[in-house]
Amino acid sequence: TSSHTRVGILNNPSSKIKEDNTGIARGILAAFLTQNNSNLKIFLSKLSKEETAKSLDDGTKIVKFLISGMDGNTFEKKYNTLGLDLIKTHQMFCQEVLKLLPGQMAVISNGR
């Protein structure tokens, strides 16, 4: 709840990284790279819902979940051009540096 808090996301998937199973991860990364904090928070809350994941698995395009005020064109361009290499780099960092198992979650804090 502090305005001095920063949040970041690292992906550590447990399955083979493919375009058809990384929609939410790419959506989160694209939103972090293109949106302001207030829109980002609301959009991430929407993406984290189970029904959103099911809908995306059923073929719904991610742009259907954009919220009012988001820069949809910038988001969509970043989402469509975001390569899988970034997610693979996240995975490698999680497993090689942080020593996490594939799919294992962690919270990392760096505070005063």
Protein backbone atom coordinates (compact mmCIF):
# COMPACT_ATOMS: atom_id res chain seq x y z
CA THR A 1 0.00 0.00 0.00
CA SER A 2 3.03 2.29 0.04
CA SER A 3 3.81 4.58 -2.86
CA HIS A 4 7.44 3.61 -2.30
CA THR A 5 6.90 -0.07 -3.06
CA ARG A 6 7.98 -1.57 -6.35
CA VAL A 7 6.77 -4.84 -7.78
CA GLY A 8 8.39 -6.95 -10.44
CA ILE A 9 7.57 -10.29 -11.96
CA LEU A 10 9.88 -13.11 -13.01
CA ASN A 11 8.43 -16.05 -14.90
CA ASN A 12 9.50 -19.55 -13.88
CA PRO A 13 7.30 -21.87 -15.93
CA SER A 14 7.24 -25.58 -15.28
CA SER A 15 6.34 -26.54 -18.85
CA LYS A 16 7.98 -26.00 -22.22
CA ILE A 17 7.71 -22.33 -23.22
CA LYS A 18 5.51 -21.92 -26.31
CA GLU A 19 3.49 -19.04 -27.68
CA ASP A 20 0.18 -20.76 -26.95
CA ASN A 21 0.91 -21.30 -23.23
CA THR A 22 2.47 -17.94 -22.39
CA GLY A 23 -0.43 -15.57 -23.10
CA ILE A 24 -0.87 -14.38 -19.53
CA ALA A 25 2.88 -14.08 -18.92
CA ARG A 26 3.31 -12.06 -22.12
CA GLY A 27 0.28 -9.94 -21.18
CA ILE A 28 1.77 -9.16 -17.78
CA LEU A 29 5.15 -8.26 -19.27
CA ALA A 30 3.58 -6.13 -22.01
CA ALA A 31 1.49 -4.29 -19.43
CA PHE A 32 4.52 -3.63 -17.21
CA LEU A 33 6.36 -2.20 -20.22
CA THR A 34 3.55 -0.03 -21.61
CA GLN A 35 1.09 1.07 -18.93
CA ASN A 36 1.00 3.49 -16.01
CA ASN A 37 0.82 2.15 -12.45
CA SER A 38 -2.91 2.65 -11.82
CA ASN A 39 -3.94 0.92 -15.06
CA LEU A 40 -1.34 -1.77 -14.51
CA LYS A 41 -2.72 -2.66 -11.08
CA ILE A 42 -6.30 -3.00 -12.32
CA PHE A 43 -5.28 -4.93 -15.43
CA LEU A 44 -3.12 -7.37 -13.45
CA SER A 45 -6.02 -7.99 -11.07
CA LYS A 46 -8.20 -8.81 -14.06
CA LEU A 47 -5.58 -11.11 -15.59
CA SER A 48 -5.11 -13.01 -12.34
CA LYS A 49 -8.69 -14.30 -12.26
CA GLU A 50 -9.32 -17.95 -13.05
CA GLU A 51 -12.12 -17.14 -15.49
CA THR A 52 -9.75 -14.89 -17.47
CA ALA A 53 -7.24 -17.72 -17.81
CA LYS A 54 -9.96 -20.12 -18.95
CA SER A 55 -11.27 -17.60 -21.44
CA LEU A 56 -7.79 -17.05 -22.89
CA ASP A 57 -7.30 -20.83 -23.12
CA ASP A 58 -10.57 -21.02 -25.04
CA GLY A 59 -9.23 -18.58 -27.63
CA THR A 60 -10.38 -15.17 -26.42
CA LYS A 61 -7.93 -12.47 -27.49
CA ILE A 62 -6.17 -10.69 -24.62
CA VAL A 63 -7.24 -7.27 -25.93
CA LYS A 64 -10.79 -8.12 -24.79
CA PHE A 65 -9.55 -7.73 -21.21
CA LEU A 66 -8.00 -4.28 -21.60
CA ILE A 67 -9.44 -1.71 -19.23
CA SER A 68 -10.57 1.83 -19.89
CA GLY A 69 -7.64 4.21 -19.91
CA MET A 70 -5.07 1.69 -21.10
CA ASP A 71 -3.07 2.50 -24.22
CA GLY A 72 -4.44 -0.45 -26.16
CA ASN A 73 -2.45 0.10 -29.34
CA THR A 74 0.89 0.27 -27.53
CA PHE A 75 -0.03 -2.73 -25.37
CA GLU A 76 -1.13 -4.84 -28.34
CA LYS A 77 1.98 -4.02 -30.36
CA LYS A 78 4.26 -4.96 -27.44
CA TYR A 79 2.22 -8.11 -26.68
CA ASN A 80 2.42 -9.29 -30.30
CA THR A 81 6.15 -8.61 -30.66
CA LEU A 82 7.30 -9.80 -27.24
CA GLY A 83 9.42 -12.84 -27.96
CA LEU A 84 9.62 -15.98 -25.91
CA ASP A 85 13.32 -15.33 -25.29
CA LEU A 86 12.47 -12.92 -22.46
CA ILE A 87 10.44 -15.59 -20.66
CA LYS A 88 13.22 -18.12 -21.26
CA THR A 89 15.71 -15.65 -19.76
CA HIS A 90 13.46 -15.24 -16.70
CA GLN A 91 13.25 -19.02 -16.37
CA MET A 92 17.01 -19.42 -16.62
CA PHE A 93 17.60 -16.69 -14.00
CA CYS A 94 15.09 -18.28 -11.61
CA GLN A 95 16.64 -21.71 -11.92
CA GLU A 96 20.34 -20.89 -12.25
CA VAL A 97 20.68 -17.87 -9.96
CA LEU A 98 17.78 -18.17 -7.52
CA LYS A 99 18.02 -21.99 -7.49
CA LEU A 100 14.26 -22.45 -7.91
CA LEU A 101 12.83 -25.64 -9.34
CA PRO A 102 10.78 -25.32 -12.54
CA GLY A 103 7.41 -23.80 -11.60
CA GLN A 104 8.47 -23.04 -8.03
CA MET A 105 7.28 -19.68 -6.71
CA ALA A 106 9.13 -17.29 -4.44
CA VAL A 107 8.85 -13.79 -3.05
CA ILE A 108 12.04 -11.77 -3.06
CA SER A 109 12.31 -8.61 -1.00
CA ASN A 110 14.99 -6.01 -0.97
CA GLY A 111 14.14 -3.42 1.63
CA ARG A 112 15.65 -1.20 4.24
